[in-house]
Amino acid sequence: MDARFREARGMSDVMDQRVGLLEAGEGEALDVFGATMVVKAEPGPHGLFLGEHLTPPGFFVPPHVHAEDTEVFHVLDGELTVFDGVAERRHGPGTTVTLPAGSRHGFRNDTAGLVRFLVMASPGVQCLEMFRHFDRAGRAAPGGLTPPEIVAICGQYGVRMG
């Protein structure tokens, strides 16, 4: 791009950043308690984490609060039950749920099939590092992590359970 165009538009800093691209099926796959989180975008200078959550039947995340991260869930396939701090609602494909930082929420798959949804978090650094920590710790713990271990890990990343 012509430097005069970038300067005229005030875009010189933006244009110097690298554009990311992942093809279908690509991304870092993390095992988070039996659900797969595929990292699609890391929260670099843009401050956004994007993951594809593959949620098996019976999987749930109990109510919790993120101190710093606003999360957005966008359902792609299946039906996801989300507790938004007030009520539980089942959401199907095309539905987007925004959960502001500081809001109590949780989710589960109470259907017989896989639920696939996008998780966006901003600024997202804490979310991604917590998912990576769960993946590493889960692989290292024969029999899985205990509830107190899970709560302790959450606390390290600004997430309070309950």
N, C-alpha and C. Protein backbone atom coordinates (compact mmCIF):
# COMPACT_ATOMS: atom_id res chain seq x y z
N MET A 1 0.85 -1.18 0.00
CA MET A 1 0.00 0.00 0.00
C MET A 1 0.89 1.23 0.00
N ASP A 2 0.51 2.23 -0.73
CA ASP A 2 1.25 3.48 -0.85
C ASP A 2 1.31 4.17 0.52
N ALA A 3 2.50 4.59 0.94
CA ALA A 3 2.69 5.23 2.25
C ALA A 3 1.84 6.49 2.38
N ARG A 4 1.65 7.22 1.27
CA ARG A 4 0.83 8.45 1.33
C ARG A 4 -0.61 8.11 1.71
N PHE A 5 -1.12 6.99 1.21
CA PHE A 5 -2.48 6.59 1.54
C PHE A 5 -2.60 6.27 3.02
N ARG A 6 -1.64 5.50 3.56
CA ARG A 6 -1.67 5.14 4.98
C ARG A 6 -1.60 6.39 5.84
N GLU A 7 -0.70 7.30 5.53
CA GLU A 7 -0.54 8.50 6.34
C GLU A 7 -1.78 9.38 6.25
N ALA A 8 -2.35 9.48 5.06
CA ALA A 8 -3.54 10.31 4.88
C ALA A 8 -4.71 9.77 5.68
N ARG A 9 -4.77 8.49 5.83
CA ARG A 9 -5.88 7.86 6.56
C ARG A 9 -5.55 7.64 8.04
N GLY A 10 -4.31 7.98 8.46
CA GLY A 10 -3.92 7.75 9.85
C GLY A 10 -3.80 6.29 10.18
N MET A 11 -3.43 5.48 9.18
CA MET A 11 -3.43 4.03 9.34
C MET A 11 -2.03 3.44 9.38
N SER A 12 -1.00 4.23 9.47
CA SER A 12 0.35 3.66 9.36
C SER A 12 0.63 2.63 10.43
N ASP A 13 0.20 2.86 11.67
CA ASP A 13 0.44 1.88 12.73
C ASP A 13 -0.37 0.61 12.52
N VAL A 14 -1.62 0.77 12.11
CA VAL A 14 -2.49 -0.38 11.91
C VAL A 14 -1.96 -1.25 10.77
N MET A 15 -1.53 -0.65 9.71
CA MET A 15 -1.09 -1.40 8.54
C MET A 15 0.21 -2.15 8.79
N ASP A 16 0.98 -1.75 9.80
CA ASP A 16 2.23 -2.42 10.09
C ASP A 16 2.03 -3.70 10.90
N GLN A 17 0.83 -3.92 11.43
CA GLN A 17 0.57 -5.14 12.20
C GLN A 17 0.30 -6.29 11.24
N ARG A 18 0.66 -7.49 11.68
CA ARG A 18 0.48 -8.67 10.85
C ARG A 18 -0.97 -9.14 10.88
N VAL A 19 -1.44 -9.55 9.74
CA VAL A 19 -2.77 -10.11 9.61
C VAL A 19 -2.67 -11.60 9.89
N GLY A 20 -3.59 -12.14 10.70
CA GLY A 20 -3.59 -13.56 11.01
C GLY A 20 -4.59 -14.30 10.14
N LEU A 21 -4.28 -15.54 9.83
CA LEU A 21 -5.18 -16.36 9.03
C LEU A 21 -5.06 -17.80 9.47
N LEU A 22 -6.18 -18.41 9.80
CA LEU A 22 -6.26 -19.85 10.06
C LEU A 22 -7.29 -20.42 9.12
N GLU A 23 -6.95 -21.49 8.47
CA GLU A 23 -7.90 -22.18 7.60
C GLU A 23 -8.80 -23.06 8.47
N ALA A 24 -9.89 -23.54 7.89
CA ALA A 24 -10.79 -24.45 8.59
C ALA A 24 -9.99 -25.65 9.10
N GLY A 25 -10.25 -26.05 10.33
CA GLY A 25 -9.56 -27.19 10.92
C GLY A 25 -8.23 -26.85 11.56
N GLU A 26 -7.77 -25.62 11.44
CA GLU A 26 -6.50 -25.22 12.04
C GLU A 26 -6.73 -24.54 13.38
N GLY A 27 -5.66 -24.48 14.18
CA GLY A 27 -5.69 -23.81 15.48
C GLY A 27 -5.17 -24.73 16.56
N GLU A 28 -4.68 -24.13 17.62
CA GLU A 28 -4.17 -24.88 18.77
C GLU A 28 -5.35 -25.51 19.50
N ALA A 29 -5.35 -26.84 19.63
CA ALA A 29 -6.44 -27.55 20.30
C ALA A 29 -6.08 -27.79 21.76
N LEU A 30 -6.92 -27.31 22.66
CA LEU A 30 -6.72 -27.47 24.10
C LEU A 30 -7.82 -28.37 24.65
N ASP A 31 -7.44 -29.26 25.56
CA ASP A 31 -8.41 -30.11 26.25
C ASP A 31 -8.75 -29.43 27.57
N VAL A 32 -9.97 -28.96 27.67
CA VAL A 32 -10.43 -28.28 28.88
C VAL A 32 -11.53 -29.14 29.50
N PHE A 33 -11.11 -30.07 30.37
CA PHE A 33 -12.01 -30.97 31.09
C PHE A 33 -12.87 -31.83 30.17
N GLY A 34 -12.32 -32.23 29.05
CA GLY A 34 -13.05 -33.10 28.13
C GLY A 34 -13.73 -32.38 26.99
N ALA A 35 -13.76 -31.07 27.04
CA ALA A 35 -14.24 -30.27 25.90
C ALA A 35 -13.00 -29.78 25.15
N THR A 36 -13.13 -29.61 23.86
CA THR A 36 -12.01 -29.11 23.07
C THR A 36 -12.21 -27.62 22.79
N MET A 37 -11.18 -26.84 23.10
CA MET A 37 -11.16 -25.42 22.77
C MET A 37 -10.10 -25.24 21.69
N VAL A 38 -10.50 -24.83 20.50
CA VAL A 38 -9.55 -24.60 19.41
C VAL A 38 -9.30 -23.10 19.33
N VAL A 39 -8.05 -22.70 19.58
CA VAL A 39 -7.68 -21.29 19.56
C VAL A 39 -7.68 -20.81 18.11
N LYS A 40 -8.49 -19.79 17.83
CA LYS A 40 -8.59 -19.23 16.48
C LYS A 40 -7.90 -17.88 16.37
N ALA A 41 -7.85 -17.11 17.46
CA ALA A 41 -7.15 -15.82 17.46
C ALA A 41 -6.64 -15.56 18.87
N GLU A 42 -5.35 -15.24 18.96
CA GLU A 42 -4.74 -14.93 20.25
C GLU A 42 -4.87 -13.45 20.53
N PRO A 43 -5.02 -13.09 21.80
CA PRO A 43 -5.22 -11.68 22.16
C PRO A 43 -3.93 -10.88 22.17
N GLY A 44 -3.38 -10.61 21.02
CA GLY A 44 -2.18 -9.78 20.91
C GLY A 44 -2.57 -8.33 21.15
N PRO A 45 -2.00 -7.42 20.37
CA PRO A 45 -2.28 -6.00 20.57
C PRO A 45 -3.73 -5.62 20.31
N HIS A 46 -4.47 -6.47 19.61
CA HIS A 46 -5.88 -6.16 19.32
C HIS A 46 -6.79 -6.46 20.50
N GLY A 47 -6.31 -7.22 21.50
CA GLY A 47 -7.09 -7.45 22.71
C GLY A 47 -8.34 -8.29 22.53
N LEU A 48 -8.25 -9.35 21.71
CA LEU A 48 -9.41 -10.21 21.50
C LEU A 48 -8.95 -11.65 21.39
N PHE A 49 -9.55 -12.51 22.21
CA PHE A 49 -9.35 -13.95 22.10
C PHE A 49 -10.56 -14.53 21.38
N LEU A 50 -10.31 -15.46 20.47
CA LEU A 50 -11.39 -16.17 19.80
C LEU A 50 -11.08 -17.65 19.83
N GLY A 51 -12.04 -18.43 20.33
CA GLY A 51 -11.89 -19.87 20.36
C GLY A 51 -13.15 -20.56 19.88
N GLU A 52 -12.97 -21.75 19.34
CA GLU A 52 -14.11 -22.58 18.95
C GLU A 52 -14.25 -23.66 20.01
N HIS A 53 -15.37 -23.67 20.71
CA HIS A 53 -15.61 -24.59 21.82
C HIS A 53 -16.45 -25.76 21.31
N LEU A 54 -15.90 -26.97 21.42
CA LEU A 54 -16.61 -28.19 21.03
C LEU A 54 -17.06 -28.86 22.32
N THR A 55 -18.34 -28.76 22.60
CA THR A 55 -18.90 -29.10 23.90
C THR A 55 -19.66 -30.41 23.84
N PRO A 56 -19.12 -31.48 24.46
CA PRO A 56 -19.81 -32.77 24.40
C PRO A 56 -21.06 -32.79 25.29
N PRO A 57 -21.95 -33.74 25.04
CA PRO A 57 -23.13 -33.88 25.89
C PRO A 57 -22.74 -34.04 27.36
N GLY A 58 -23.48 -33.35 28.23
CA GLY A 58 -23.23 -33.44 29.66
C GLY A 58 -22.17 -32.49 30.19
N PHE A 59 -21.43 -31.84 29.31
CA PHE A 59 -20.37 -30.92 29.75
C PHE A 59 -21.02 -29.66 30.33
N PHE A 60 -20.42 -29.15 31.41
CA PHE A 60 -20.92 -27.90 31.98
C PHE A 60 -19.79 -27.11 32.62
N VAL A 61 -20.00 -25.81 32.68
CA VAL A 61 -19.14 -24.90 33.42
C VAL A 61 -20.05 -24.21 34.42
N PRO A 62 -19.79 -24.41 35.73
CA PRO A 62 -20.68 -23.82 36.74
C PRO A 62 -20.58 -22.29 36.76
N PRO A 63 -21.52 -21.65 37.44
CA PRO A 63 -21.49 -20.19 37.51
C PRO A 63 -20.14 -19.67 38.01
N HIS A 64 -19.70 -18.59 37.36
CA HIS A 64 -18.42 -17.98 37.68
C HIS A 64 -18.43 -16.53 37.20
N VAL A 65 -17.42 -15.77 37.61
CA VAL A 65 -17.31 -14.36 37.25
C VAL A 65 -15.90 -14.08 36.77
N HIS A 66 -15.77 -13.43 35.62
CA HIS A 66 -14.47 -12.96 35.12
C HIS A 66 -14.30 -11.50 35.55
N ALA A 67 -13.22 -11.21 36.26
CA ALA A 67 -12.98 -9.85 36.71
C ALA A 67 -12.69 -8.91 35.54
N GLU A 68 -11.94 -9.39 34.54
CA GLU A 68 -11.47 -8.51 33.47
C GLU A 68 -12.08 -8.78 32.11
N ASP A 69 -12.46 -10.00 31.83
CA ASP A 69 -12.86 -10.35 30.47
C ASP A 69 -14.36 -10.29 30.25
N THR A 70 -14.77 -9.60 29.20
CA THR A 70 -16.12 -9.72 28.68
C THR A 70 -16.10 -10.90 27.72
N GLU A 71 -17.09 -11.78 27.83
CA GLU A 71 -17.16 -12.94 26.93
C GLU A 71 -18.39 -12.81 26.03
N VAL A 72 -18.24 -13.30 24.82
CA VAL A 72 -19.34 -13.38 23.87
C VAL A 72 -19.38 -14.81 23.36
N PHE A 73 -20.54 -15.45 23.46
CA PHE A 73 -20.74 -16.79 22.92
C PHE A 73 -21.60 -16.66 21.66
N HIS A 74 -21.20 -17.32 20.59
CA HIS A 74 -22.00 -17.35 19.36
C HIS A 74 -22.18 -18.81 18.98
N VAL A 75 -23.42 -19.30 19.07
CA VAL A 75 -23.71 -20.71 18.82
C VAL A 75 -23.69 -20.99 17.32
N LEU A 76 -22.89 -22.01 16.95
CA LEU A 76 -22.80 -22.44 15.55
C LEU A 76 -23.66 -23.66 15.28
N ASP A 77 -23.55 -24.68 16.13
CA ASP A 77 -24.29 -25.94 15.97
C ASP A 77 -24.79 -26.42 17.32
N GLY A 78 -25.98 -27.01 17.34
CA GLY A 78 -26.53 -27.56 18.57
C GLY A 78 -27.24 -26.49 19.39
N GLU A 79 -27.53 -26.84 20.64
CA GLU A 79 -28.21 -25.93 21.55
C GLU A 79 -27.45 -25.86 22.86
N LEU A 80 -27.06 -24.65 23.24
CA LEU A 80 -26.28 -24.40 24.44
C LEU A 80 -27.16 -23.74 25.48
N THR A 81 -27.19 -24.30 26.69
CA THR A 81 -27.92 -23.67 27.79
C THR A 81 -26.96 -22.75 28.53
N VAL A 82 -27.35 -21.46 28.62
CA VAL A 82 -26.51 -20.45 29.26
C VAL A 82 -27.26 -19.86 30.44
N PHE A 83 -26.56 -19.81 31.58
CA PHE A 83 -27.06 -19.07 32.75
C PHE A 83 -26.43 -17.69 32.66
N ASP A 84 -27.26 -16.65 32.57
CA ASP A 84 -26.74 -15.30 32.37
C ASP A 84 -26.75 -14.45 33.63
N GLY A 85 -26.84 -15.10 34.78
CA GLY A 85 -26.87 -14.36 36.04
C GLY A 85 -28.28 -14.16 36.55
N VAL A 86 -29.27 -14.30 35.66
CA VAL A 86 -30.67 -14.11 36.03
C VAL A 86 -31.47 -15.37 35.75
N ALA A 87 -31.31 -15.91 34.56
CA ALA A 87 -32.11 -17.07 34.15
C ALA A 87 -31.28 -17.98 33.26
N GLU A 88 -31.76 -19.21 33.12
CA GLU A 88 -31.16 -20.15 32.17
C GLU A 88 -32.00 -20.14 30.90
N ARG A 89 -31.31 -20.10 29.78
CA ARG A 89 -32.00 -20.15 28.49
C ARG A 89 -31.22 -21.05 27.55
N ARG A 90 -31.95 -21.77 26.71
CA ARG A 90 -31.32 -22.61 25.71
C ARG A 90 -31.23 -21.81 24.41
N HIS A 91 -30.03 -21.79 23.81
CA HIS A 91 -29.78 -20.99 22.62
C HIS A 91 -29.33 -21.87 21.47
N GLY A 92 -29.93 -21.66 20.30
CA GLY A 92 -29.60 -22.43 19.12
C GLY A 92 -28.70 -21.68 18.16
N PRO A 93 -28.42 -22.30 17.01
CA PRO A 93 -27.52 -21.72 16.02
C PRO A 93 -27.90 -20.29 15.64
N GLY A 94 -26.89 -19.45 15.55
CA GLY A 94 -27.08 -18.05 15.19
C GLY A 94 -27.27 -17.12 16.36
N THR A 95 -27.46 -17.67 17.56
CA THR A 95 -27.67 -16.85 18.75
C THR A 95 -26.34 -16.37 19.30
N THR A 96 -26.31 -15.10 19.73
CA THR A 96 -25.13 -14.51 20.35
C THR A 96 -25.51 -14.04 21.75
N VAL A 97 -24.69 -14.41 22.73
CA VAL A 97 -24.91 -14.02 24.12
C VAL A 97 -23.67 -13.24 24.58
N THR A 98 -23.87 -12.02 25.07
CA THR A 98 -22.78 -11.19 25.57
C THR A 98 -22.82 -11.19 27.09
N LEU A 99 -21.67 -11.51 27.70
CA LEU A 99 -21.55 -11.63 29.16
C LEU A 99 -20.48 -10.64 29.62
N PRO A 100 -20.89 -9.46 30.10
CA PRO A 100 -19.91 -8.43 30.48
C PRO A 100 -19.00 -8.87 31.62
N ALA A 101 -17.80 -8.33 31.65
CA ALA A 101 -16.88 -8.58 32.76
C ALA A 101 -17.62 -8.26 34.06
N GLY A 102 -17.43 -9.11 35.06
CA GLY A 102 -18.09 -8.92 36.34
C GLY A 102 -19.46 -9.57 36.45
N SER A 103 -19.98 -10.11 35.34
CA SER A 103 -21.30 -10.76 35.40
C SER A 103 -21.15 -12.24 35.71
N ARG A 104 -22.06 -12.74 36.52
CA ARG A 104 -22.06 -14.16 36.90
C ARG A 104 -22.75 -14.95 35.79
N HIS A 105 -22.10 -16.02 35.34
CA HIS A 105 -22.66 -16.82 34.25
C HIS A 105 -22.07 -18.23 34.26
N GLY A 106 -22.69 -19.11 33.51
CA GLY A 106 -22.22 -20.48 33.32
C GLY A 106 -22.91 -21.05 32.10
N PHE A 107 -22.53 -22.25 31.71
CA PHE A 107 -23.19 -22.87 30.55
C PHE A 107 -23.08 -24.38 30.63
N ARG A 108 -23.93 -25.04 29.81
CA ARG A 108 -23.88 -26.50 29.76
C ARG A 108 -24.50 -27.00 28.45
N ASN A 109 -24.14 -28.22 28.14
CA ASN A 109 -24.75 -28.92 27.02
C ASN A 109 -25.61 -30.02 27.62
N ASP A 110 -26.90 -29.80 27.66
CA ASP A 110 -27.79 -30.83 28.19
C ASP A 110 -28.55 -31.54 27.07
N THR A 111 -27.96 -31.55 25.88
CA THR A 111 -28.54 -32.27 24.75
C THR A 111 -27.76 -33.57 24.52
N ALA A 112 -28.23 -34.37 23.59
CA ALA A 112 -27.56 -35.64 23.28
C ALA A 112 -26.47 -35.48 22.23
N GLY A 113 -26.33 -34.28 21.66
CA GLY A 113 -25.34 -34.07 20.61
C GLY A 113 -24.29 -33.05 20.98
N LEU A 114 -23.29 -32.94 20.15
CA LEU A 114 -22.21 -31.97 20.33
C LEU A 114 -22.73 -30.56 20.09
N VAL A 115 -22.29 -29.62 20.91
CA VAL A 115 -22.58 -28.20 20.69
C VAL A 115 -21.27 -27.54 20.28
N ARG A 116 -21.35 -26.72 19.26
CA ARG A 116 -20.17 -26.00 18.78
C ARG A 116 -20.49 -24.52 18.82
N PHE A 117 -19.64 -23.76 19.54
CA PHE A 117 -19.87 -22.32 19.61
C PHE A 117 -18.55 -21.58 19.66
N LEU A 118 -18.60 -20.32 19.24
CA LEU A 118 -17.43 -19.46 19.32
C LEU A 118 -17.44 -18.75 20.66
N VAL A 119 -16.26 -18.64 21.26
CA VAL A 119 -16.07 -17.88 22.49
C VAL A 119 -15.14 -16.73 22.14
N MET A 120 -15.62 -15.52 22.34
CA MET A 120 -14.77 -14.35 22.16
C MET A 120 -14.60 -13.72 23.54
N ALA A 121 -13.40 -13.31 23.86
CA ALA A 121 -13.15 -12.66 25.14
C ALA A 121 -12.26 -11.45 24.91
N SER A 122 -12.60 -10.37 25.59
CA SER A 122 -11.80 -9.15 25.48
C SER A 122 -11.60 -8.59 26.88
N PRO A 123 -10.38 -8.28 27.29
CA PRO A 123 -9.17 -8.33 26.47
C PRO A 123 -8.69 -9.74 26.14
N GLY A 124 -9.07 -10.76 26.88
CA GLY A 124 -8.86 -12.14 26.48
C GLY A 124 -7.58 -12.82 26.91
N VAL A 125 -6.60 -12.08 27.37
CA VAL A 125 -5.32 -12.69 27.76
C VAL A 125 -5.53 -13.67 28.91
N GLN A 126 -6.29 -13.26 29.92
CA GLN A 126 -6.53 -14.12 31.08
C GLN A 126 -7.27 -15.39 30.68
N CYS A 127 -8.27 -15.27 29.82
CA CYS A 127 -9.04 -16.45 29.38
C CYS A 127 -8.14 -17.45 28.69
N LEU A 128 -7.39 -17.00 27.70
CA LEU A 128 -6.55 -17.93 26.94
C LEU A 128 -5.52 -18.60 27.84
N GLU A 129 -4.87 -17.85 28.69
CA GLU A 129 -3.85 -18.45 29.56
C GLU A 129 -4.47 -19.42 30.55
N MET A 130 -5.68 -19.15 31.02
CA MET A 130 -6.36 -20.08 31.92
C MET A 130 -6.67 -21.39 31.18
N PHE A 131 -7.17 -21.30 29.94
CA PHE A 131 -7.46 -22.51 29.17
C PHE A 131 -6.19 -23.32 28.94
N ARG A 132 -5.10 -22.65 28.65
CA ARG A 132 -3.82 -23.36 28.46
C ARG A 132 -3.36 -24.02 29.75
N HIS A 133 -3.55 -23.33 30.87
CA HIS A 133 -3.18 -23.89 32.17
C HIS A 133 -4.01 -25.14 32.46
N PHE A 134 -5.32 -25.08 32.21
CA PHE A 134 -6.17 -26.26 32.41
C PHE A 134 -5.72 -27.42 31.53
N ASP A 135 -5.36 -27.15 30.30
CA ASP A 135 -4.90 -28.20 29.39
C ASP A 135 -3.64 -28.86 29.94
N ARG A 136 -2.64 -28.05 30.32
CA ARG A 136 -1.38 -28.60 30.86
C ARG A 136 -1.61 -29.36 32.16
N ALA A 137 -2.35 -28.74 33.09
CA ALA A 137 -2.57 -29.35 34.40
C ALA A 137 -3.40 -30.62 34.29
N GLY A 138 -4.39 -30.62 33.41
CA GLY A 138 -5.23 -31.80 33.23
C GLY A 138 -4.46 -32.98 32.67
N ARG A 139 -3.53 -32.71 31.77
CA ARG A 139 -2.71 -33.78 31.19
C ARG A 139 -1.74 -34.35 32.23
N ALA A 140 -1.32 -33.50 33.17
CA ALA A 140 -0.33 -33.91 34.17
C ALA A 140 -0.96 -34.59 35.38
N ALA A 141 -2.27 -34.45 35.55
CA ALA A 141 -2.94 -34.97 36.75
C ALA A 141 -3.66 -36.28 36.43
N PRO A 142 -3.10 -37.41 36.89
CA PRO A 142 -3.81 -38.67 36.66
C PRO A 142 -5.16 -38.62 37.38
N GLY A 143 -6.21 -38.92 36.67
CA GLY A 143 -7.54 -38.87 37.28
C GLY A 143 -8.18 -37.50 37.23
N GLY A 144 -7.50 -36.51 36.71
CA GLY A 144 -8.06 -35.17 36.58
C GLY A 144 -7.80 -34.27 37.77
N LEU A 145 -8.15 -33.02 37.61
CA LEU A 145 -7.96 -32.03 38.67
C LEU A 145 -9.09 -32.11 39.69
N THR A 146 -8.78 -31.79 40.93
CA THR A 146 -9.79 -31.75 41.98
C THR A 146 -10.49 -30.39 41.95
N PRO A 147 -11.71 -30.30 42.49
CA PRO A 147 -12.38 -29.00 42.54
C PRO A 147 -11.54 -27.90 43.19
N PRO A 148 -10.85 -28.15 44.32
CA PRO A 148 -10.02 -27.08 44.88
C PRO A 148 -8.89 -26.65 43.93
N GLU A 149 -8.33 -27.58 43.18
CA GLU A 149 -7.29 -27.22 42.20
C GLU A 149 -7.87 -26.36 41.08
N ILE A 150 -9.06 -26.70 40.64
CA ILE A 150 -9.72 -25.92 39.58
C ILE A 150 -9.99 -24.50 40.06
N VAL A 151 -10.53 -24.37 41.28
CA VAL A 151 -10.83 -23.05 41.84
C VAL A 151 -9.55 -22.23 41.98
N ALA A 152 -8.46 -22.86 42.41
CA ALA A 152 -7.18 -22.15 42.57
C ALA A 152 -6.66 -21.66 41.22
N ILE A 153 -6.74 -22.50 40.20
CA ILE A 153 -6.28 -22.08 38.87
C ILE A 153 -7.14 -20.93 38.37
N CYS A 154 -8.44 -21.03 38.52
CA CYS A 154 -9.33 -19.94 38.10
C CYS A 154 -8.92 -18.62 38.77
N GLY A 155 -8.66 -18.68 40.06
CA GLY A 155 -8.29 -17.48 40.80
C GLY A 155 -7.04 -16.81 40.28
N GLN A 156 -6.11 -17.60 39.76
CA GLN A 156 -4.87 -17.03 39.20
C GLN A 156 -5.15 -16.17 37.97
N TYR A 157 -6.29 -16.37 37.34
CA TYR A 157 -6.61 -15.67 36.10
C TYR A 157 -7.83 -14.75 36.23
N GLY A 158 -8.11 -14.34 37.46
CA GLY A 158 -9.18 -13.37 37.69
C GLY A 158 -10.58 -13.93 37.56
N VAL A 159 -10.74 -15.25 37.75
CA VAL A 159 -12.06 -15.87 37.67
C VAL A 159 -12.44 -16.41 39.04
N ARG A 160 -13.60 -16.00 39.51
CA ARG A 160 -14.12 -16.46 40.80
C ARG A 160 -15.28 -17.40 40.53
N MET A 161 -15.20 -18.60 41.09
CA MET A 161 -16.27 -19.59 40.93
C MET A 161 -17.38 -19.31 41.93
N GLY A 162 -18.60 -19.66 41.54
CA GLY A 162 -19.73 -19.54 42.46
C GLY A 162 -20.67 -18.42 42.11
